[in-house]
Amino acid sequence: MVTFTVNDNDCGQRVDKFVTKALPELPKSMMYRLFRKKDIKINGKRCDISAILNAGDVVTVYVKQELSAEKKHDMNFLNSPPDLDIIHEDDNILITFKPVGLDPHSNSTSTADTLIDRIKHYLYNKNEYSPETENSFAPALCNRLDRNTSGLIISAKNAVSLREINEAIRNGNLHKIYRCVTVTPPPQNEDIISAYHRKDDGRNIVRISDKKSDGYKPIRTGYKVLDRKNGLFLIEVTLFTGRTHQIRAHLAHVGAYILGDGKYGNTSLNKRYGVFRQTLCAYSLKFELPETSPLAYLNKLVITTPEPFTEYFR
């Protein structure tokens, strides 16, 4: 038997989601069986799998001794340096500048050093995150960037903020502006373009089509030419939808290839300029949260990075 007391970062979620995070070694099939047998209880009473937890609730899981042993806390994040380029920080969120070459999360090809582990290490050093005192929550990234895309990433310090930012992204209340350099001009100086997008997971590439087809989802991308010099174009891009590789693939679809992009770009022009990583930066964030949101104070802010790619337009 193992017992958990629900804290502020645990409440507001379904009990099955909580148990999955609090007991990561418990197979899901066994967890569902425990629910069916009424061997998972809230405050000593039988509960439904979809019951929502409140702060102070006591969750009891009747499992074998080997599964109810003291939880092993993952401290591998301490292997990453706590080095961050912090653009904004408050009690709820942290906005950092991710450099080119740093993975946001670990994956099958990445090293041990990731942005989220740096953030955990940083907050651990500040005594704002302790795995030992958390049942189910860890600081988390709210948005992601490709390894070779630089720019702003939001991380949540608590569960309420994570839910609020994720909901804002789903509802279109987080406005993201990017800057990029292209080796060919877009069709217009300024436009909002629409198309259809399909991701090929097996090849980690996306396809763009002007016609709707099975498996394709609609996308909208706004762009504006800010500067031009030596055959290069500085483009500001506004995302109205947020699909995988949307900017790189959509601009390439209309003939504006991003400098250094080896997947969707112009290889010969990349070689001419000697640039082999995409010149794409998540430049600006603006919040438009409901006034009832505990993070509504962010609406007064416009978060930006230093101007990127100035070296190409001096």
Protein backbone atom coordinates (compact mmCIF):
# COMPACT_ATOMS: atom_id res chain seq x y z
CA MET A 1 0.00 0.00 0.00
CA VAL A 2 1.23 3.49 -0.83
CA THR A 3 -0.37 6.79 0.17
CA PHE A 4 -0.03 10.25 -1.36
CA THR A 5 -1.28 13.60 -0.08
CA VAL A 6 -2.35 15.81 -2.99
CA ASN A 7 -0.55 19.15 -3.11
CA ASP A 8 -1.24 22.29 -5.14
CA ASN A 9 0.67 20.95 -8.15
CA ASP A 10 -1.31 17.70 -8.11
CA CYS A 11 -4.85 19.05 -7.83
CA GLY A 12 -7.16 19.65 -10.77
CA GLN A 13 -6.15 16.48 -12.60
CA ARG A 14 -7.80 13.09 -12.96
CA VAL A 15 -6.80 10.51 -10.41
CA ASP A 16 -5.62 8.06 -13.09
CA LYS A 17 -3.28 10.70 -14.55
CA PHE A 18 -1.98 11.38 -11.06
CA VAL A 19 -1.32 7.71 -10.31
CA THR A 20 0.49 7.27 -13.64
CA LYS A 21 2.91 10.08 -12.74
CA ALA A 22 3.20 9.30 -9.03
CA LEU A 23 3.91 5.59 -9.67
CA PRO A 24 5.69 5.50 -13.04
CA GLU A 25 6.78 1.86 -12.48
CA LEU A 26 3.17 0.70 -12.15
CA PRO A 27 2.03 -0.87 -15.45
CA LYS A 28 -1.08 0.80 -16.82
CA SER A 29 -2.83 -2.55 -17.18
CA MET A 30 -2.32 -3.15 -13.45
CA MET A 31 -3.51 0.37 -12.62
CA TYR A 32 -6.76 -0.18 -14.54
CA ARG A 33 -7.22 -3.50 -12.75
CA LEU A 34 -6.76 -1.77 -9.40
CA PHE A 35 -9.46 0.73 -10.32
CA ARG A 36 -11.82 -2.09 -11.29
CA LYS A 37 -11.15 -3.86 -7.98
CA LYS A 38 -11.66 -0.56 -6.08
CA ASP A 39 -8.09 -0.79 -4.77
CA ILE A 40 -7.41 2.86 -5.49
CA LYS A 41 -9.21 5.17 -3.08
CA ILE A 42 -9.53 8.90 -2.43
CA ASN A 43 -9.88 9.83 1.25
CA GLY A 44 -10.57 6.19 2.05
CA LYS A 45 -13.49 5.94 -0.37
CA ARG A 46 -13.82 4.12 -3.67
CA CYS A 47 -13.39 6.43 -6.63
CA ASP A 48 -14.04 6.56 -10.34
CA ILE A 49 -11.06 6.59 -12.69
CA SER A 50 -11.99 10.10 -13.87
CA ALA A 51 -12.36 11.64 -10.39
CA ILE A 52 -10.71 15.08 -10.13
CA LEU A 53 -8.30 15.62 -7.26
CA ASN A 54 -8.38 18.52 -4.81
CA ALA A 55 -5.54 19.82 -2.68
CA GLY A 56 -5.41 17.87 0.59
CA ASP A 57 -6.98 14.70 -0.81
CA VAL A 58 -5.32 11.47 0.26
CA VAL A 59 -4.87 8.92 -2.53
CA THR A 60 -4.24 5.33 -1.46
CA VAL A 61 -3.08 2.69 -3.92
CA TYR A 62 -3.17 -0.91 -2.72
CA VAL A 63 -0.24 -2.51 -4.52
CA LYS A 64 2.33 -5.17 -3.74
CA GLN A 65 5.23 -4.26 -1.48
CA GLU A 66 7.78 -4.12 -4.30
CA LEU A 67 5.73 -1.50 -6.15
CA SER A 68 4.95 0.51 -3.04
CA ALA A 69 8.61 0.94 -2.13
CA GLU A 70 9.91 4.45 -1.80
CA LYS A 71 9.77 6.26 -5.12
CA LYS A 72 13.12 6.73 -6.85
CA HIS A 73 13.47 10.36 -7.81
CA ASP A 74 15.07 11.09 -11.17
CA MET A 75 17.98 13.42 -10.47
CA ASN A 76 19.68 13.03 -13.86
CA PHE A 77 18.92 16.69 -14.62
CA LEU A 78 21.84 17.56 -12.34
CA ASN A 79 24.13 16.28 -15.12
CA SER A 80 23.14 19.30 -17.24
CA PRO A 81 24.63 22.70 -16.39
CA PRO A 82 22.20 25.25 -14.92
CA ASP A 83 23.25 27.71 -17.62
CA LEU A 84 20.33 29.66 -19.08
CA ASP A 85 19.83 32.81 -21.10
CA ILE A 86 16.83 34.13 -19.16
CA ILE A 87 14.62 36.67 -20.93
CA HIS A 88 11.79 36.80 -18.35
CA GLU A 89 11.15 35.14 -15.01
CA ASP A 90 8.47 35.42 -12.35
CA ASP A 91 6.92 33.12 -9.75
CA ASN A 92 4.99 31.15 -12.36
CA ILE A 93 6.93 30.97 -15.62
CA LEU A 94 10.42 31.14 -17.02
CA ILE A 95 11.12 32.31 -20.59
CA THR A 96 14.55 31.44 -21.89
CA PHE A 97 16.44 31.85 -25.15
CA LYS A 98 17.30 28.44 -26.58
CA PRO A 99 20.47 28.48 -28.66
CA VAL A 100 20.96 26.53 -31.87
CA GLY A 101 22.16 22.99 -31.18
CA LEU A 102 20.48 22.48 -27.80
CA ASP A 103 17.66 19.92 -27.68
CA PRO A 104 14.57 21.05 -25.74
CA HIS A 105 13.93 17.48 -24.50
CA SER A 106 15.90 14.27 -24.54
CA ASN A 107 15.34 11.97 -27.51
CA SER A 108 16.94 8.94 -29.10
CA THR A 109 19.74 10.99 -30.67
CA SER A 110 20.37 13.71 -28.10
CA THR A 111 23.02 13.97 -25.41
CA ALA A 112 22.28 14.17 -21.71
CA ASP A 113 22.25 17.97 -21.88
CA THR A 114 18.81 19.40 -22.70
CA LEU A 115 17.04 22.68 -22.09
CA ILE A 116 14.45 21.19 -19.73
CA ASP A 117 17.18 19.57 -17.64
CA ARG A 118 19.05 22.89 -17.45
CA ILE A 119 15.82 24.52 -16.28
CA LYS A 120 15.23 21.85 -13.62
CA HIS A 121 18.82 22.22 -12.40
CA TYR A 122 18.49 26.01 -12.28
CA LEU A 123 15.22 25.85 -10.30
CA TYR A 124 16.61 23.14 -8.04
CA ASN A 125 19.53 25.41 -7.14
CA LYS A 126 17.03 28.17 -6.33
CA ASN A 127 15.01 25.79 -4.12
CA GLU A 128 12.01 26.29 -6.43
CA TYR A 129 11.91 22.66 -7.55
CA SER A 130 12.51 19.54 -5.49
CA PRO A 131 11.64 16.09 -6.91
CA GLU A 132 11.54 14.74 -3.38
CA THR A 133 8.53 16.90 -2.46
CA GLU A 134 6.55 16.47 -5.70
CA ASN A 135 4.19 13.56 -6.34
CA SER A 136 3.39 14.14 -10.00
CA PHE A 137 4.72 17.52 -11.21
CA ALA A 138 8.00 18.62 -12.72
CA PRO A 139 8.77 21.92 -14.49
CA ALA A 140 7.79 21.54 -18.13
CA LEU A 141 8.21 23.30 -21.46
CA CYS A 142 5.03 24.81 -22.90
CA ASN A 143 6.29 25.21 -26.46
CA ARG A 144 9.01 23.52 -28.44
CA LEU A 145 11.58 24.41 -31.05
CA ASP A 146 13.66 22.23 -33.34
CA ARG A 147 17.21 21.53 -32.19
CA ASN A 148 18.60 23.89 -34.84
CA THR A 149 16.02 26.67 -34.34
CA SER A 150 16.89 29.32 -31.78
CA GLY A 151 14.53 31.47 -29.78
CA LEU A 152 12.07 31.84 -26.94
CA ILE A 153 10.73 28.89 -24.99
CA ILE A 154 8.27 29.15 -22.10
CA SER A 155 8.53 26.78 -19.15
CA ALA A 156 6.02 26.48 -16.33
CA LYS A 157 7.14 26.39 -12.71
CA ASN A 158 3.85 24.99 -11.40
CA ALA A 159 0.90 22.95 -12.61
CA VAL A 160 -1.57 25.86 -12.75
CA SER A 161 0.72 27.84 -15.03
CA LEU A 162 1.32 24.81 -17.24
CA ARG A 163 -2.41 24.35 -17.74
CA GLU A 164 -2.98 28.07 -18.36
CA ILE A 165 -0.23 28.39 -20.99
CA ASN A 166 -1.19 25.15 -22.72
CA GLU A 167 -4.80 26.33 -22.90
CA ALA A 168 -3.68 29.69 -24.27
CA ILE A 169 -1.75 27.91 -27.03
CA ARG A 170 -4.76 25.73 -27.89
CA ASN A 171 -7.08 28.76 -28.00
CA GLY A 172 -4.74 30.96 -30.02
CA ASN A 173 -4.11 33.35 -27.13
CA LEU A 174 -0.34 33.10 -27.37
CA HIS A 175 0.98 35.01 -30.37
CA LYS A 176 4.35 33.88 -31.73
CA ILE A 177 6.47 35.88 -34.14
CA TYR A 178 9.58 34.51 -35.81
CA ARG A 179 12.45 36.01 -37.77
CA CYS A 180 14.24 34.17 -40.56
CA VAL A 181 16.58 34.80 -43.49
CA THR A 182 15.66 33.50 -46.93
CA VAL A 183 17.87 33.11 -50.00
CA THR A 184 14.96 33.84 -52.35
CA PRO A 185 12.14 36.36 -51.94
CA PRO A 186 8.54 35.43 -51.10
CA PRO A 187 5.90 36.21 -53.75
CA GLN A 188 4.76 39.45 -52.03
CA ASN A 189 6.37 41.92 -49.67
CA GLU A 190 3.68 41.06 -47.11
CA ASP A 191 0.95 38.44 -47.11
CA ILE A 192 -0.98 35.80 -45.16
CA ILE A 193 -0.82 32.47 -46.97
CA SER A 194 -2.89 29.32 -46.50
CA ALA A 195 -2.27 25.73 -47.48
CA TYR A 196 -2.59 22.15 -46.21
CA HIS A 197 0.01 20.28 -44.17
CA ARG A 198 0.72 16.58 -43.65
CA LYS A 199 3.45 15.13 -41.44
CA ASP A 200 5.34 12.02 -42.51
CA ASP A 201 6.41 10.66 -39.12
CA GLY A 202 8.51 7.89 -40.59
CA ARG A 203 10.75 10.34 -42.46
CA ASN A 204 10.36 13.30 -40.08
CA ILE A 205 9.34 15.56 -42.93
CA VAL A 206 6.16 17.41 -43.85
CA ARG A 207 4.33 17.90 -47.12
CA ILE A 208 2.50 21.07 -48.13
CA SER A 209 -0.35 21.12 -50.63
CA ASP A 210 -2.57 23.84 -52.03
CA LYS A 211 -5.46 21.37 -52.14
CA LYS A 212 -7.15 19.61 -49.28
CA SER A 213 -6.50 15.86 -49.25
CA ASP A 214 -6.79 13.00 -46.80
CA GLY A 215 -4.40 13.42 -43.89
CA TYR A 216 -3.72 17.10 -44.62
CA LYS A 217 -4.56 19.79 -42.06
CA PRO A 218 -5.04 23.52 -42.81
CA ILE A 219 -2.26 26.00 -42.01
CA ARG A 220 -1.98 29.80 -42.11
CA THR A 221 1.29 31.70 -42.10
CA GLY A 222 1.81 35.46 -42.20
CA TYR A 223 5.04 37.00 -43.45
CA LYS A 224 6.56 40.42 -44.05
CA VAL A 225 9.89 41.36 -45.67
CA LEU A 226 11.80 43.62 -43.26
CA ASP A 227 15.11 44.01 -45.06
CA ARG A 228 17.10 42.78 -48.05
CA LYS A 229 20.79 42.79 -48.86
CA ASN A 230 23.26 40.76 -50.93
CA GLY A 231 20.53 38.45 -52.19
CA LEU A 232 19.23 37.69 -48.70
CA PHE A 233 15.86 38.64 -47.23
CA LEU A 234 15.01 39.23 -43.57
CA ILE A 235 11.48 37.94 -43.01
CA GLU A 236 9.15 38.36 -40.05
CA VAL A 237 6.76 35.44 -39.75
CA THR A 238 3.54 35.22 -37.75
CA LEU A 239 2.13 31.78 -37.01
CA PHE A 240 -1.64 31.48 -37.04
CA THR A 241 -1.39 27.69 -36.77
CA GLY A 242 1.44 25.73 -35.21
CA ARG A 243 2.25 22.62 -37.21
CA THR A 244 5.55 20.74 -37.34
CA HIS A 245 8.15 22.56 -39.50
CA GLN A 246 5.36 24.89 -40.67
CA ILE A 247 7.48 27.97 -41.34
CA ARG A 248 10.30 26.15 -43.09
CA ALA A 249 8.04 24.02 -45.27
CA HIS A 250 5.40 26.66 -46.02
CA LEU A 251 7.90 29.32 -47.08
CA ALA A 252 9.72 26.76 -49.22
CA HIS A 253 6.37 25.86 -50.81
CA VAL A 254 5.98 29.45 -52.04
CA GLY A 255 9.61 29.64 -53.18
CA ALA A 256 11.21 31.45 -50.22
CA TYR A 257 13.90 29.06 -48.98
CA ILE A 258 15.35 29.63 -45.53
CA LEU A 259 19.12 30.10 -45.49
CA GLY A 260 20.91 27.08 -44.07
CA ASP A 261 17.87 24.78 -44.09
CA GLY A 262 19.11 21.37 -45.20
CA LYS A 263 15.68 19.74 -45.28
CA TYR A 264 13.44 22.24 -47.10
CA GLY A 265 15.99 24.78 -48.34
CA ASN A 266 18.15 25.30 -51.42
CA THR A 267 21.31 23.21 -50.97
CA SER A 268 23.39 25.00 -53.60
CA LEU A 269 22.63 28.45 -52.17
CA ASN A 270 23.37 27.22 -48.65
CA LYS A 271 26.78 26.11 -49.89
CA ARG A 272 27.36 29.46 -51.58
CA TYR A 273 26.77 31.32 -48.31
CA GLY A 274 28.46 28.64 -46.20
CA VAL A 275 25.48 28.32 -43.83
CA PHE A 276 24.21 24.86 -42.91
CA ARG A 277 21.79 25.42 -40.03
CA GLN A 278 18.46 27.09 -40.60
CA THR A 279 18.46 30.80 -39.83
CA LEU A 280 15.15 30.72 -37.98
CA CYS A 281 14.50 32.32 -34.58
CA ALA A 282 11.40 32.41 -32.35
CA TYR A 283 11.71 36.14 -31.86
CA SER A 284 8.69 37.43 -29.96
CA LEU A 285 5.85 36.30 -27.69
CA LYS A 286 2.71 38.20 -26.78
CA PHE A 287 0.00 36.98 -24.43
CA GLU A 288 -3.72 37.59 -24.78
CA LEU A 289 -5.07 35.70 -21.78
CA PRO A 290 -8.55 36.04 -20.28
CA GLU A 291 -8.68 38.63 -17.52
CA THR A 292 -9.81 35.86 -15.18
CA SER A 293 -6.57 33.94 -15.75
CA PRO A 294 -4.07 33.95 -12.87
CA LEU A 295 -1.46 34.77 -15.53
CA ALA A 296 -3.36 37.75 -16.99
CA TYR A 297 -0.56 40.05 -15.83
CA LEU A 298 1.47 38.69 -18.76
CA ASN A 299 -0.84 40.53 -21.17
CA LYS A 300 1.08 43.72 -20.42
CA LEU A 301 4.32 42.24 -21.70
CA VAL A 302 5.83 41.73 -25.13
CA ILE A 303 8.79 39.38 -24.80
CA THR A 304 11.48 39.59 -27.47
CA THR A 305 14.97 38.31 -28.08
CA PRO A 306 17.80 40.59 -29.21
CA GLU A 307 17.52 41.24 -32.96
CA PRO A 308 18.68 38.06 -34.72
CA PHE A 309 20.66 37.74 -37.97
CA THR A 310 21.86 41.35 -37.99
CA GLU A 311 25.22 40.17 -39.30
CA TYR A 312 23.66 39.51 -42.71
CA PHE A 313 22.18 43.01 -43.11
CA ARG A 314 24.83 45.44 -41.89
